[in-house]
Amino acid sequence: MRIRDFELDQLRRVWLDTAERADGFFQREVSLQENVKRGQRLGAILDATGVELAQVDADQDGLIIKLRGLPRVMAGDGIAHIRQPYHSRS
C-alpha cells in the first residue's frame, strides 16, 4: 500500500527516536512506504566498528512515511515516522 491510499487527515502519527539508546550509526532494514507490523525490526544502531548497540523496532502497525537518511545518530534523534489509519468508534 502506498501513502496515497491513506486519507492523511485521518491518521495518527508516531515518532520513534533513539531516546535512552547509545549514539552511533543507524543501519536501516526497511524502506520508505513499507508497511510494518508492531515489533518488527526497523534497523539497529551500531558503533563505529559495526557492533550493535541497540535494536530499533516499530511500536505499532503502519506505513513508514519518513525514515532517517543520515546514518549518524545521537540519543534523542528521530529515526522513523509511522502513520497508522485512525479508526473512529462511530
N, C-alpha and C. Protein backbone atom coordinates (compact mmCIF):
# COMPACT_ATOMS: atom_id res chain seq x y z
N MET A 1 0.84 -1.17 0.00
CA MET A 1 0.00 0.00 0.00
C MET A 1 0.89 1.24 0.00
N ARG A 2 0.60 2.17 -0.82
CA ARG A 2 1.36 3.42 -0.91
C ARG A 2 0.69 4.51 -0.09
N ILE A 3 1.41 5.55 0.19
CA ILE A 3 0.90 6.64 1.03
C ILE A 3 -0.36 7.27 0.45
N ARG A 4 -0.47 7.30 -0.85
CA ARG A 4 -1.65 7.92 -1.46
C ARG A 4 -2.93 7.15 -1.17
N ASP A 5 -2.83 5.90 -0.72
CA ASP A 5 -4.01 5.11 -0.41
C ASP A 5 -4.64 5.49 0.94
N PHE A 6 -3.94 6.29 1.74
CA PHE A 6 -4.44 6.69 3.04
C PHE A 6 -5.10 8.05 2.97
N GLU A 7 -6.11 8.27 3.78
CA GLU A 7 -6.67 9.60 3.99
C GLU A 7 -5.79 10.26 5.04
N LEU A 8 -4.93 11.18 4.62
CA LEU A 8 -3.92 11.73 5.51
C LEU A 8 -4.49 12.48 6.70
N ASP A 9 -5.71 13.02 6.60
CA ASP A 9 -6.28 13.73 7.73
C ASP A 9 -6.88 12.79 8.77
N GLN A 10 -6.87 11.50 8.52
CA GLN A 10 -7.43 10.53 9.45
C GLN A 10 -6.37 9.59 9.98
N LEU A 11 -5.16 10.10 10.18
CA LEU A 11 -4.07 9.24 10.63
C LEU A 11 -3.48 9.74 11.93
N ARG A 12 -2.99 8.82 12.71
CA ARG A 12 -2.30 9.13 13.96
C ARG A 12 -0.81 8.93 13.72
N ARG A 13 0.00 9.86 14.19
CA ARG A 13 1.43 9.80 13.95
C ARG A 13 2.18 9.27 15.17
N VAL A 14 3.23 8.54 14.93
CA VAL A 14 4.13 8.08 15.98
C VAL A 14 5.54 8.36 15.54
N TRP A 15 6.30 9.01 16.41
CA TRP A 15 7.69 9.33 16.09
C TRP A 15 8.58 8.44 16.93
N LEU A 16 9.35 7.60 16.30
CA LEU A 16 10.30 6.74 17.01
C LEU A 16 11.61 7.49 17.15
N ASP A 17 12.23 7.36 18.27
CA ASP A 17 13.51 8.04 18.44
C ASP A 17 14.50 7.15 19.18
N THR A 18 15.69 7.68 19.37
CA THR A 18 16.75 6.92 20.00
C THR A 18 16.90 7.25 21.48
N ALA A 19 15.85 7.76 22.07
CA ALA A 19 15.91 8.11 23.49
C ALA A 19 16.38 6.91 24.31
N GLU A 20 17.24 7.18 25.25
CA GLU A 20 17.79 6.15 26.14
C GLU A 20 18.55 5.08 25.37
N ARG A 21 19.08 5.42 24.23
CA ARG A 21 19.90 4.50 23.46
C ARG A 21 21.25 5.15 23.20
N ALA A 22 22.18 4.39 22.78
CA ALA A 22 23.53 4.90 22.57
C ALA A 22 23.64 5.68 21.27
N ASP A 23 24.60 6.60 21.22
CA ASP A 23 24.95 7.28 19.98
C ASP A 23 25.60 6.26 19.06
N GLY A 24 25.48 6.47 17.76
CA GLY A 24 26.11 5.55 16.82
C GLY A 24 25.65 5.82 15.40
N PHE A 25 25.52 4.75 14.64
CA PHE A 25 25.14 4.82 13.23
C PHE A 25 23.92 3.94 13.01
N PHE A 26 22.86 4.53 12.42
CA PHE A 26 21.63 3.78 12.18
C PHE A 26 21.75 3.01 10.88
N GLN A 27 21.57 1.71 10.97
CA GLN A 27 21.55 0.84 9.79
C GLN A 27 20.11 0.37 9.62
N ARG A 28 19.44 0.88 8.61
CA ARG A 28 18.03 0.55 8.42
C ARG A 28 17.85 -0.77 7.70
N GLU A 29 16.72 -1.41 8.00
CA GLU A 29 16.38 -2.70 7.40
C GLU A 29 15.01 -2.66 6.74
N VAL A 30 14.44 -1.47 6.63
CA VAL A 30 13.15 -1.28 5.98
C VAL A 30 13.29 -0.11 5.01
N SER A 31 12.26 0.11 4.21
CA SER A 31 12.27 1.18 3.21
C SER A 31 11.10 2.13 3.41
N LEU A 32 11.20 3.29 2.81
CA LEU A 32 10.09 4.23 2.80
C LEU A 32 8.88 3.58 2.14
N GLN A 33 7.71 3.93 2.60
CA GLN A 33 6.43 3.44 2.10
C GLN A 33 6.27 1.93 2.26
N GLU A 34 6.99 1.39 3.23
CA GLU A 34 6.85 -0.03 3.55
C GLU A 34 5.89 -0.18 4.72
N ASN A 35 4.98 -1.12 4.62
CA ASN A 35 4.10 -1.41 5.74
C ASN A 35 4.87 -2.25 6.75
N VAL A 36 4.74 -1.88 8.02
CA VAL A 36 5.42 -2.61 9.09
C VAL A 36 4.42 -3.04 10.14
N LYS A 37 4.80 -4.03 10.90
CA LYS A 37 3.97 -4.56 11.99
C LYS A 37 4.62 -4.20 13.33
N ARG A 38 3.79 -4.05 14.34
CA ARG A 38 4.29 -3.78 15.69
C ARG A 38 5.33 -4.83 16.07
N GLY A 39 6.47 -4.38 16.57
CA GLY A 39 7.55 -5.28 16.97
C GLY A 39 8.52 -5.63 15.86
N GLN A 40 8.19 -5.26 14.62
CA GLN A 40 9.08 -5.56 13.50
C GLN A 40 10.36 -4.74 13.63
N ARG A 41 11.46 -5.37 13.35
CA ARG A 41 12.76 -4.70 13.42
C ARG A 41 12.89 -3.72 12.26
N LEU A 42 13.15 -2.45 12.59
CA LEU A 42 13.35 -1.42 11.57
C LEU A 42 14.82 -1.25 11.24
N GLY A 43 15.67 -1.61 12.16
CA GLY A 43 17.11 -1.48 11.97
C GLY A 43 17.81 -1.56 13.29
N ALA A 44 19.07 -1.09 13.30
CA ALA A 44 19.87 -1.14 14.51
C ALA A 44 20.79 0.07 14.57
N ILE A 45 21.20 0.39 15.78
CA ILE A 45 22.21 1.41 15.98
C ILE A 45 23.52 0.68 16.25
N LEU A 46 24.52 1.01 15.45
CA LEU A 46 25.82 0.35 15.53
C LEU A 46 26.88 1.34 16.00
N ASP A 47 27.94 0.80 16.60
CA ASP A 47 29.07 1.67 16.92
C ASP A 47 29.98 1.75 15.69
N ALA A 48 31.08 2.47 15.80
CA ALA A 48 31.97 2.70 14.65
C ALA A 48 32.62 1.43 14.12
N THR A 49 32.65 0.38 14.94
CA THR A 49 33.26 -0.88 14.49
C THR A 49 32.22 -1.87 13.97
N GLY A 50 30.92 -1.47 14.00
CA GLY A 50 29.87 -2.33 13.50
C GLY A 50 29.19 -3.19 14.55
N VAL A 51 29.54 -3.00 15.80
CA VAL A 51 28.90 -3.76 16.88
C VAL A 51 27.53 -3.14 17.17
N GLU A 52 26.50 -3.99 17.25
CA GLU A 52 25.15 -3.50 17.50
C GLU A 52 25.01 -3.02 18.94
N LEU A 53 24.55 -1.77 19.08
CA LEU A 53 24.35 -1.17 20.39
C LEU A 53 22.88 -1.22 20.83
N ALA A 54 21.97 -1.12 19.85
CA ALA A 54 20.54 -1.13 20.16
C ALA A 54 19.75 -1.53 18.93
N GLN A 55 18.66 -2.22 19.16
CA GLN A 55 17.74 -2.58 18.09
C GLN A 55 16.62 -1.55 18.06
N VAL A 56 16.15 -1.20 16.87
CA VAL A 56 15.04 -0.26 16.72
C VAL A 56 13.86 -1.03 16.12
N ASP A 57 12.74 -1.06 16.88
CA ASP A 57 11.55 -1.80 16.47
C ASP A 57 10.36 -0.86 16.30
N ALA A 58 9.44 -1.24 15.44
CA ALA A 58 8.19 -0.49 15.28
C ALA A 58 7.34 -0.68 16.52
N ASP A 59 6.74 0.39 17.01
CA ASP A 59 5.89 0.28 18.19
C ASP A 59 4.41 0.17 17.82
N GLN A 60 4.11 0.10 16.52
CA GLN A 60 2.73 -0.06 16.05
C GLN A 60 2.76 -0.53 14.61
N ASP A 61 1.63 -1.03 14.13
CA ASP A 61 1.45 -1.32 12.71
C ASP A 61 1.32 0.00 11.98
N GLY A 62 1.76 0.06 10.74
CA GLY A 62 1.57 1.28 9.96
C GLY A 62 2.47 1.34 8.75
N LEU A 63 2.49 2.53 8.15
CA LEU A 63 3.23 2.79 6.92
C LEU A 63 4.38 3.74 7.24
N ILE A 64 5.58 3.41 6.83
CA ILE A 64 6.72 4.29 7.06
C ILE A 64 6.67 5.41 6.03
N ILE A 65 6.50 6.64 6.52
CA ILE A 65 6.45 7.78 5.61
C ILE A 65 7.67 8.68 5.74
N LYS A 66 8.49 8.43 6.75
CA LYS A 66 9.74 9.17 6.90
C LYS A 66 10.74 8.24 7.56
N LEU A 67 11.95 8.19 7.02
CA LEU A 67 12.97 7.29 7.54
C LEU A 67 14.31 8.00 7.48
N ARG A 68 15.03 7.96 8.55
CA ARG A 68 16.30 8.67 8.65
C ARG A 68 17.21 8.29 7.49
N GLY A 69 17.72 9.32 6.80
CA GLY A 69 18.63 9.11 5.68
C GLY A 69 20.09 9.19 6.08
N LEU A 70 20.40 10.04 7.07
CA LEU A 70 21.77 10.16 7.55
C LEU A 70 22.04 9.08 8.58
N PRO A 71 23.11 8.34 8.44
CA PRO A 71 23.34 7.23 9.36
C PRO A 71 23.73 7.65 10.78
N ARG A 72 24.42 8.77 10.95
CA ARG A 72 24.89 9.18 12.28
C ARG A 72 23.71 9.60 13.14
N VAL A 73 23.57 8.99 14.33
CA VAL A 73 22.50 9.34 15.26
C VAL A 73 23.07 9.56 16.65
N MET A 74 22.38 10.42 17.37
CA MET A 74 22.69 10.66 18.78
C MET A 74 21.41 10.42 19.56
N ALA A 75 21.52 10.09 20.83
CA ALA A 75 20.35 9.82 21.66
C ALA A 75 19.34 10.96 21.50
N GLY A 76 18.10 10.61 21.21
CA GLY A 76 17.03 11.60 21.03
C GLY A 76 16.76 11.98 19.58
N ASP A 77 17.64 11.59 18.66
CA ASP A 77 17.40 11.88 17.24
C ASP A 77 16.23 11.06 16.71
N GLY A 78 15.51 11.61 15.73
CA GLY A 78 14.42 10.88 15.11
C GLY A 78 14.93 9.77 14.21
N ILE A 79 14.21 8.67 14.18
CA ILE A 79 14.58 7.53 13.33
C ILE A 79 13.55 7.33 12.23
N ALA A 80 12.28 7.25 12.58
CA ALA A 80 11.24 6.95 11.60
C ALA A 80 9.93 7.61 12.00
N HIS A 81 9.08 7.79 11.02
CA HIS A 81 7.75 8.35 11.22
C HIS A 81 6.79 7.31 10.63
N ILE A 82 5.94 6.76 11.49
CA ILE A 82 5.00 5.72 11.06
C ILE A 82 3.59 6.28 11.16
N ARG A 83 2.84 6.12 10.10
CA ARG A 83 1.44 6.57 10.10
C ARG A 83 0.54 5.35 10.14
N GLN A 84 -0.48 5.49 10.97
CA GLN A 84 -1.44 4.41 11.15
C GLN A 84 -2.83 4.97 10.90
N PRO A 85 -3.69 4.26 10.18
CA PRO A 85 -5.04 4.75 9.96
C PRO A 85 -5.76 4.98 11.28
N TYR A 86 -6.49 6.08 11.36
CA TYR A 86 -7.30 6.39 12.53
C TYR A 86 -8.63 5.65 12.41
N HIS A 87 -9.00 4.95 13.46
CA HIS A 87 -10.26 4.22 13.46
C HIS A 87 -11.23 4.88 14.43
N SER A 88 -12.27 5.49 13.90
CA SER A 88 -13.27 6.12 14.76
C SER A 88 -14.19 5.07 15.34
N ARG A 89 -14.89 5.42 16.41
CA ARG A 89 -15.80 4.49 17.07
C ARG A 89 -17.22 4.61 16.57
N SER A 90 -17.45 5.34 15.50
CA SER A 90 -18.82 5.52 15.01
C SER A 90 -19.27 4.38 14.13
